[in-house]
Amino acid sequence: MENEKSGFTVIEVSLVLALAGLIFLMVFLALPALQRSQRDTSRREAVTKLIREIKNYQSNSGRGNLPGASDTINDVLQINGKTAANNSSALATSWAGFYRDYLGKNFVDPDGEEYNLLVAKCSSTAKVDQSCTDNKNQLNNLYGAGFPNGYKMYVIIGATCDGETAVATSNPRNAAVLYRLEGAGIYCSSTSL
């Protein structure tokens, strides 16, 4: 009887370790992309929630109006939870009142940062189906800065979406909401049908 020793060869052990290392590498490379994708999905849902609440506001107002005196906005109006909480109920028809009453305290990014709404009118010089971003003073931060861009959601009054861009519409009660995503690109959704 021969003395047989059982076990693994160095080549077999090396092969198993190489395969395990490859699997771990793939997981560690894919995990951040998956997490980023999940956060961006949550951000798209927040934009959808904002659009839904704008439509709810329009239904509740009885006339389909947007919050505040949208026709008098000449520059960017910035609202967040803090400014909304500091406004009295007399401003319930304003964007600050809308933020407070319809979006509440929990309107936050997956990073835990509160969303800021920047409300602007589509450029008065924009023709129907022309980009609303012609007014560089109002919208320069949206396209010029990377994520997170101050967690700003742009609400463009009198606009609808065309891909990643807000374009003018003939209906001043339409609103487009744009948000820069972490992965890449800008998500746009609008109240128009």
C-alpha atoms as a PDB file:
ATOM      1  CA  MET A   1       0.000   0.000   0.000  1.00  0.00           C
ATOM      2  CA  GLU A   2       1.276   3.302  -0.968  1.00  0.00           C
ATOM      3  CA  ASN A   3       1.084   6.312   1.273  1.00  0.00           C
ATOM      4  CA  GLU A   4      -1.393   8.641  -0.457  1.00  0.00           C
ATOM      5  CA  LYS A   5      -1.655  12.210   0.734  1.00  0.00           C
ATOM      6  CA  SER A   6      -4.781  14.109  -0.189  1.00  0.00           C
ATOM      7  CA  GLY A   7      -5.008  17.873  -0.493  1.00  0.00           C
ATOM      8  CA  PHE A   8      -4.986  20.731  -2.914  1.00  0.00           C
ATOM      9  CA  THR A   9      -2.158  21.707  -5.125  1.00  0.00           C
ATOM     10  CA  VAL A  10      -0.744  25.199  -5.139  1.00  0.00           C
ATOM     11  CA  ILE A  11      -2.274  25.770  -8.571  1.00  0.00           C
ATOM     12  CA  GLU A  12      -5.757  24.787  -7.382  1.00  0.00           C
ATOM     13  CA  VAL A  13      -5.564  27.072  -4.338  1.00  0.00           C
ATOM     14  CA  SER A  14      -4.263  29.943  -6.468  1.00  0.00           C
ATOM     15  CA  LEU A  15      -7.080  29.474  -8.968  1.00  0.00           C
ATOM     16  CA  VAL A  16      -9.746  29.528  -6.234  1.00  0.00           C
ATOM     17  CA  LEU A  17      -8.226  32.639  -4.646  1.00  0.00           C
ATOM     18  CA  ALA A  18      -8.054  34.388  -8.027  1.00  0.00           C
ATOM     19  CA  LEU A  19     -11.715  33.611  -8.749  1.00  0.00           C
ATOM     20  CA  ALA A  20     -12.770  34.790  -5.261  1.00  0.00           C
ATOM     21  CA  GLY A  21     -10.777  37.997  -5.725  1.00  0.00           C
ATOM     22  CA  LEU A  22     -12.409  38.592  -9.107  1.00  0.00           C
ATOM     23  CA  ILE A  23     -15.871  38.142  -7.604  1.00  0.00           C
ATOM     24  CA  PHE A  24     -15.095  40.564  -4.743  1.00  0.00           C
ATOM     25  CA  LEU A  25     -13.705  43.080  -7.232  1.00  0.00           C
ATOM     26  CA  MET A  26     -16.859  42.910  -9.344  1.00  0.00           C
ATOM     27  CA  VAL A  27     -19.060  43.399  -6.264  1.00  0.00           C
ATOM     28  CA  PHE A  28     -17.043  46.374  -5.015  1.00  0.00           C
ATOM     29  CA  LEU A  29     -17.124  47.997  -8.457  1.00  0.00           C
ATOM     30  CA  ALA A  30     -20.838  47.384  -8.990  1.00  0.00           C
ATOM     31  CA  LEU A  31     -22.029  48.341  -5.496  1.00  0.00           C
ATOM     32  CA  PRO A  32     -21.362  52.122  -5.715  1.00  0.00           C
ATOM     33  CA  ALA A  33     -23.045  52.290  -9.131  1.00  0.00           C
ATOM     34  CA  LEU A  34     -26.056  50.408  -7.766  1.00  0.00           C
ATOM     35  CA  GLN A  35     -26.294  52.726  -4.754  1.00  0.00           C
ATOM     36  CA  ARG A  36     -25.999  55.813  -6.996  1.00  0.00           C
ATOM     37  CA  SER A  37     -28.756  54.419  -9.215  1.00  0.00           C
ATOM     38  CA  GLN A  38     -31.009  53.849  -6.191  1.00  0.00           C
ATOM     39  CA  ARG A  39     -30.434  57.408  -4.953  1.00  0.00           C
ATOM     40  CA  ASP A  40     -31.229  58.797  -8.419  1.00  0.00           C
ATOM     41  CA  THR A  41     -34.419  56.715  -8.509  1.00  0.00           C
ATOM     42  CA  SER A  42     -35.392  58.307  -5.201  1.00  0.00           C
ATOM     43  CA  ARG A  43     -34.644  61.756  -6.670  1.00  0.00           C
ATOM     44  CA  ARG A  44     -36.856  61.035  -9.704  1.00  0.00           C
ATOM     45  CA  GLU A  45     -39.618  60.005  -7.284  1.00  0.00           C
ATOM     46  CA  ALA A  46     -39.179  63.331  -5.435  1.00  0.00           C
ATOM     47  CA  VAL A  47     -39.622  65.230  -8.718  1.00  0.00           C
ATOM     48  CA  THR A  48     -42.709  63.114  -9.443  1.00  0.00           C
ATOM     49  CA  LYS A  49     -44.021  63.919  -5.947  1.00  0.00           C
ATOM     50  CA  LEU A  50     -43.485  67.636  -6.554  1.00  0.00           C
ATOM     51  CA  ILE A  51     -45.346  67.439  -9.893  1.00  0.00           C
ATOM     52  CA  ARG A  52     -48.185  65.481  -8.233  1.00  0.00           C
ATOM     53  CA  GLU A  53     -48.464  68.058  -5.428  1.00  0.00           C
ATOM     54  CA  ILE A  54     -48.468  70.956  -7.907  1.00  0.00           C
ATOM     55  CA  LYS A  55     -51.361  69.239  -9.709  1.00  0.00           C
ATOM     56  CA  ASN A  56     -53.120  68.705  -6.355  1.00  0.00           C
ATOM     57  CA  TYR A  57     -52.674  72.396  -5.590  1.00  0.00           C
ATOM     58  CA  GLN A  58     -54.068  73.318  -9.006  1.00  0.00           C
ATOM     59  CA  SER A  59     -57.092  71.056  -8.414  1.00  0.00           C
ATOM     60  CA  ASN A  60     -57.674  72.450  -4.927  1.00  0.00           C
ATOM     61  CA  SER A  61     -57.393  76.062  -6.081  1.00  0.00           C
ATOM     62  CA  GLY A  62     -60.415  75.525  -8.318  1.00  0.00           C
ATOM     63  CA  ARG A  63     -58.942  77.501 -11.185  1.00  0.00           C
ATOM     64  CA  GLY A  64     -55.887  75.456 -12.052  1.00  0.00           C
ATOM     65  CA  ASN A  65     -53.582  78.234 -10.917  1.00  0.00           C
ATOM     66  CA  LEU A  66     -50.027  77.665  -9.782  1.00  0.00           C
ATOM     67  CA  PRO A  67     -49.000  78.844  -6.301  1.00  0.00           C
ATOM     68  CA  GLY A  68     -48.228  82.502  -5.812  1.00  0.00           C
ATOM     69  CA  ALA A  69     -48.352  85.300  -8.312  1.00  0.00           C
ATOM     70  CA  SER A  70     -46.472  83.342 -10.957  1.00  0.00           C
ATOM     71  CA  ASP A  71     -46.909  86.069 -13.552  1.00  0.00           C
ATOM     72  CA  THR A  72     -45.009  88.553 -11.392  1.00  0.00           C
ATOM     73  CA  ILE A  73     -41.876  86.443 -10.922  1.00  0.00           C
ATOM     74  CA  ASN A  74     -39.047  88.315 -12.599  1.00  0.00           C
ATOM     75  CA  ASP A  75     -36.112  86.516 -11.026  1.00  0.00           C
ATOM     76  CA  VAL A  76     -35.508  83.192  -9.322  1.00  0.00           C
ATOM     77  CA  LEU A  77     -37.568  82.667  -6.172  1.00  0.00           C
ATOM     78  CA  GLN A  78     -35.806  80.266  -3.776  1.00  0.00           C
ATOM     79  CA  ILE A  79     -37.808  78.296  -1.219  1.00  0.00           C
ATOM     80  CA  ASN A  80     -36.854  75.529   1.182  1.00  0.00           C
ATOM     81  CA  GLY A  81     -38.369  74.042   4.320  1.00  0.00           C
ATOM     82  CA  LYS A  82     -36.874  76.703   6.590  1.00  0.00           C
ATOM     83  CA  THR A  83     -38.210  79.655   4.605  1.00  0.00           C
ATOM     84  CA  ALA A  84     -41.560  77.900   4.211  1.00  0.00           C
ATOM     85  CA  ALA A  85     -41.872  77.291   7.965  1.00  0.00           C
ATOM     86  CA  ASN A  86     -41.186  80.969   8.700  1.00  0.00           C
ATOM     87  CA  ASN A  87     -44.066  82.186   6.520  1.00  0.00           C
ATOM     88  CA  SER A  88     -47.462  82.825   8.045  1.00  0.00           C
ATOM     89  CA  SER A  89     -50.666  81.186   6.859  1.00  0.00           C
ATOM     90  CA  ALA A  90     -51.490  84.444   5.077  1.00  0.00           C
ATOM     91  CA  LEU A  91     -48.959  83.364   2.476  1.00  0.00           C
ATOM     92  CA  ALA A  92     -50.690  80.029   1.876  1.00  0.00           C
ATOM     93  CA  THR A  93     -51.089  80.854  -1.819  1.00  0.00           C
ATOM     94  CA  SER A  94     -47.382  81.550  -2.238  1.00  0.00           C
ATOM     95  CA  TRP A  95     -44.722  79.025  -3.177  1.00  0.00           C
ATOM     96  CA  ALA A  96     -43.502  79.080   0.436  1.00  0.00           C
ATOM     97  CA  GLY A  97     -46.993  78.165   1.607  1.00  0.00           C
ATOM     98  CA  PHE A  98     -47.174  75.485  -1.065  1.00  0.00           C
ATOM     99  CA  TYR A  99     -43.864  74.021   0.139  1.00  0.00           C
ATOM    100  CA  ARG A 100     -45.020  74.037   3.748  1.00  0.00           C
ATOM    101  CA  ASP A 101     -48.537  72.694   3.165  1.00  0.00           C
ATOM    102  CA  TYR A 102     -47.976  70.239   0.318  1.00  0.00           C
ATOM    103  CA  LEU A 103     -44.375  69.046   0.620  1.00  0.00           C
ATOM    104  CA  GLY A 104     -43.730  69.354   4.351  1.00  0.00           C
ATOM    105  CA  LYS A 105     -40.592  68.833   6.386  1.00  0.00           C
ATOM    106  CA  ASN A 106     -39.659  65.495   4.870  1.00  0.00           C
ATOM    107  CA  PHE A 107     -38.962  66.699   1.350  1.00  0.00           C
ATOM    108  CA  VAL A 108     -35.307  65.674   1.469  1.00  0.00           C
ATOM    109  CA  ASP A 109     -32.711  64.195  -0.842  1.00  0.00           C
ATOM    110  CA  PRO A 110     -31.448  60.642  -0.113  1.00  0.00           C
ATOM    111  CA  ASP A 111     -28.282  62.340   1.187  1.00  0.00           C
ATOM    112  CA  GLY A 112     -30.474  63.820   3.950  1.00  0.00           C
ATOM    113  CA  GLU A 113     -30.306  67.377   2.580  1.00  0.00           C
ATOM    114  CA  GLU A 114     -33.463  69.419   2.179  1.00  0.00           C
ATOM    115  CA  TYR A 115     -34.510  70.185  -1.394  1.00  0.00           C
ATOM    116  CA  ASN A 116     -34.496  73.821  -2.458  1.00  0.00           C
ATOM    117  CA  LEU A 117     -37.098  74.926  -4.972  1.00  0.00           C
ATOM    118  CA  LEU A 118     -35.998  77.596  -7.409  1.00  0.00           C
ATOM    119  CA  VAL A 119     -39.074  78.975  -9.132  1.00  0.00           C
ATOM    120  CA  ALA A 120     -38.664  80.995 -12.328  1.00  0.00           C
ATOM    121  CA  LYS A 121     -40.748  81.934 -15.310  1.00  0.00           C
ATOM    122  CA  CYS A 122     -39.809  80.713 -18.724  1.00  0.00           C
ATOM    123  CA  SER A 123     -37.969  83.498 -20.465  1.00  0.00           C
ATOM    124  CA  SER A 124     -40.440  86.069 -21.753  1.00  0.00           C
ATOM    125  CA  THR A 125     -38.566  86.085 -25.050  1.00  0.00           C
ATOM    126  CA  ALA A 126     -38.854  82.307 -25.515  1.00  0.00           C
ATOM    127  CA  LYS A 127     -41.254  81.234 -28.222  1.00  0.00           C
ATOM    128  CA  VAL A 128     -43.388  78.094 -27.916  1.00  0.00           C
ATOM    129  CA  ASP A 129     -41.143  74.987 -28.055  1.00  0.00           C
ATOM    130  CA  GLN A 130     -38.029  77.125 -27.576  1.00  0.00           C
ATOM    131  CA  SER A 131     -35.708  76.458 -24.637  1.00  0.00           C
ATOM    132  CA  CYS A 132     -36.569  78.360 -21.455  1.00  0.00           C
ATOM    133  CA  THR A 133     -32.950  78.369 -20.377  1.00  0.00           C
ATOM    134  CA  ASP A 134     -32.144  81.350 -22.574  1.00  0.00           C
ATOM    135  CA  ASN A 135     -32.357  83.529 -19.491  1.00  0.00           C
ATOM    136  CA  LYS A 136     -28.859  82.779 -18.177  1.00  0.00           C
ATOM    137  CA  ASN A 137     -29.357  84.993 -15.117  1.00  0.00           C
ATOM    138  CA  GLN A 138     -32.123  82.715 -13.910  1.00  0.00           C
ATOM    139  CA  LEU A 139     -30.872  79.255 -14.782  1.00  0.00           C
ATOM    140  CA  ASN A 140     -27.097  79.388 -15.018  1.00  0.00           C
ATOM    141  CA  ASN A 141     -26.608  77.052 -12.042  1.00  0.00           C
ATOM    142  CA  LEU A 142     -28.649  74.217 -13.500  1.00  0.00           C
ATOM    143  CA  TYR A 143     -26.474  73.370 -16.467  1.00  0.00           C
ATOM    144  CA  GLY A 144     -23.172  74.827 -15.301  1.00  0.00           C
ATOM    145  CA  ALA A 145     -22.701  72.937 -12.043  1.00  0.00           C
ATOM    146  CA  GLY A 146     -22.296  69.269 -11.240  1.00  0.00           C
ATOM    147  CA  PHE A 147     -24.132  67.218  -8.679  1.00  0.00           C
ATOM    148  CA  PRO A 148     -25.378  67.986  -6.028  1.00  0.00           C
ATOM    149  CA  ASN A 149     -25.889  71.563  -7.219  1.00  0.00           C
ATOM    150  CA  GLY A 150     -27.183  72.694  -3.834  1.00  0.00           C
ATOM    151  CA  TYR A 151     -30.019  70.140  -3.974  1.00  0.00           C
ATOM    152  CA  LYS A 152     -31.936  72.591  -6.181  1.00  0.00           C
ATOM    153  CA  MET A 153     -35.091  71.610  -8.026  1.00  0.00           C
ATOM    154  CA  TYR A 154     -35.940  74.115 -10.710  1.00  0.00           C
ATOM    155  CA  VAL A 155     -39.632  74.838 -11.244  1.00  0.00           C
ATOM    156  CA  ILE A 156     -40.014  76.612 -14.571  1.00  0.00           C
ATOM    157  CA  ILE A 157     -43.419  78.241 -14.992  1.00  0.00           C
ATOM    158  CA  GLY A 158     -44.944  78.277 -18.466  1.00  0.00           C
ATOM    159  CA  ALA A 159     -42.828  75.346 -19.615  1.00  0.00           C
ATOM    160  CA  THR A 160     -42.950  71.675 -20.441  1.00  0.00           C
ATOM    161  CA  CYS A 161     -40.188  69.098 -20.867  1.00  0.00           C
ATOM    162  CA  ASP A 162     -38.314  68.160 -23.986  1.00  0.00           C
ATOM    163  CA  GLY A 163     -35.802  65.563 -22.831  1.00  0.00           C
ATOM    164  CA  GLU A 164     -33.517  67.240 -20.295  1.00  0.00           C
ATOM    165  CA  THR A 165     -34.647  70.754 -21.205  1.00  0.00           C
ATOM    166  CA  ALA A 166     -37.605  72.964 -20.302  1.00  0.00           C
ATOM    167  CA  VAL A 167     -39.251  74.496 -23.343  1.00  0.00           C
ATOM    168  CA  ALA A 168     -41.836  77.261 -23.522  1.00  0.00           C
ATOM    169  CA  THR A 169     -45.487  76.376 -23.805  1.00  0.00           C
ATOM    170  CA  SER A 170     -48.509  78.507 -24.604  1.00  0.00           C
ATOM    171  CA  ASN A 171     -50.134  77.560 -21.275  1.00  0.00           C
ATOM    172  CA  PRO A 172     -48.842  79.691 -18.367  1.00  0.00           C
ATOM    173  CA  ARG A 173     -50.289  77.147 -15.911  1.00  0.00           C
ATOM    174  CA  ASN A 174     -47.849  74.458 -16.989  1.00  0.00           C
ATOM    175  CA  ALA A 175     -44.705  73.924 -14.965  1.00  0.00           C
ATOM    176  CA  ALA A 176     -41.594  71.883 -15.681  1.00  0.00           C
ATOM    177  CA  VAL A 177     -39.420  70.573 -12.838  1.00  0.00           C
ATOM    178  CA  LEU A 178     -35.746  69.841 -13.493  1.00  0.00           C
ATOM    179  CA  TYR A 179     -33.234  68.176 -11.189  1.00  0.00           C
ATOM    180  CA  ARG A 180     -29.604  67.272 -11.835  1.00  0.00           C
ATOM    181  CA  LEU A 181     -28.964  63.593 -11.091  1.00  0.00           C
ATOM    182  CA  GLU A 182     -25.900  62.153  -9.413  1.00  0.00           C
ATOM    183  CA  GLY A 183     -25.291  59.507 -12.080  1.00  0.00           C
ATOM    184  CA  ALA A 184     -25.519  61.799 -15.069  1.00  0.00           C
ATOM    185  CA  GLY A 185     -27.941  64.089 -16.766  1.00  0.00           C
ATOM    186  CA  ILE A 186     -30.947  66.122 -15.750  1.00  0.00           C
ATOM    187  CA  TYR A 187     -34.356  64.669 -15.005  1.00  0.00           C
ATOM    188  CA  CYS A 188     -37.288  66.726 -16.257  1.00  0.00           C
ATOM    189  CA  SER A 189     -40.994  66.209 -15.626  1.00  0.00           C
ATOM    190  CA  SER A 190     -43.906  68.566 -16.198  1.00  0.00           C
ATOM    191  CA  THR A 191     -47.487  69.196 -15.188  1.00  0.00           C
ATOM    192  CA  SER A 192     -48.641  69.416 -18.803  1.00  0.00           C
ATOM    193  CA  LEU A 193     -50.572  66.576 -20.345  1.00  0.00           C
END
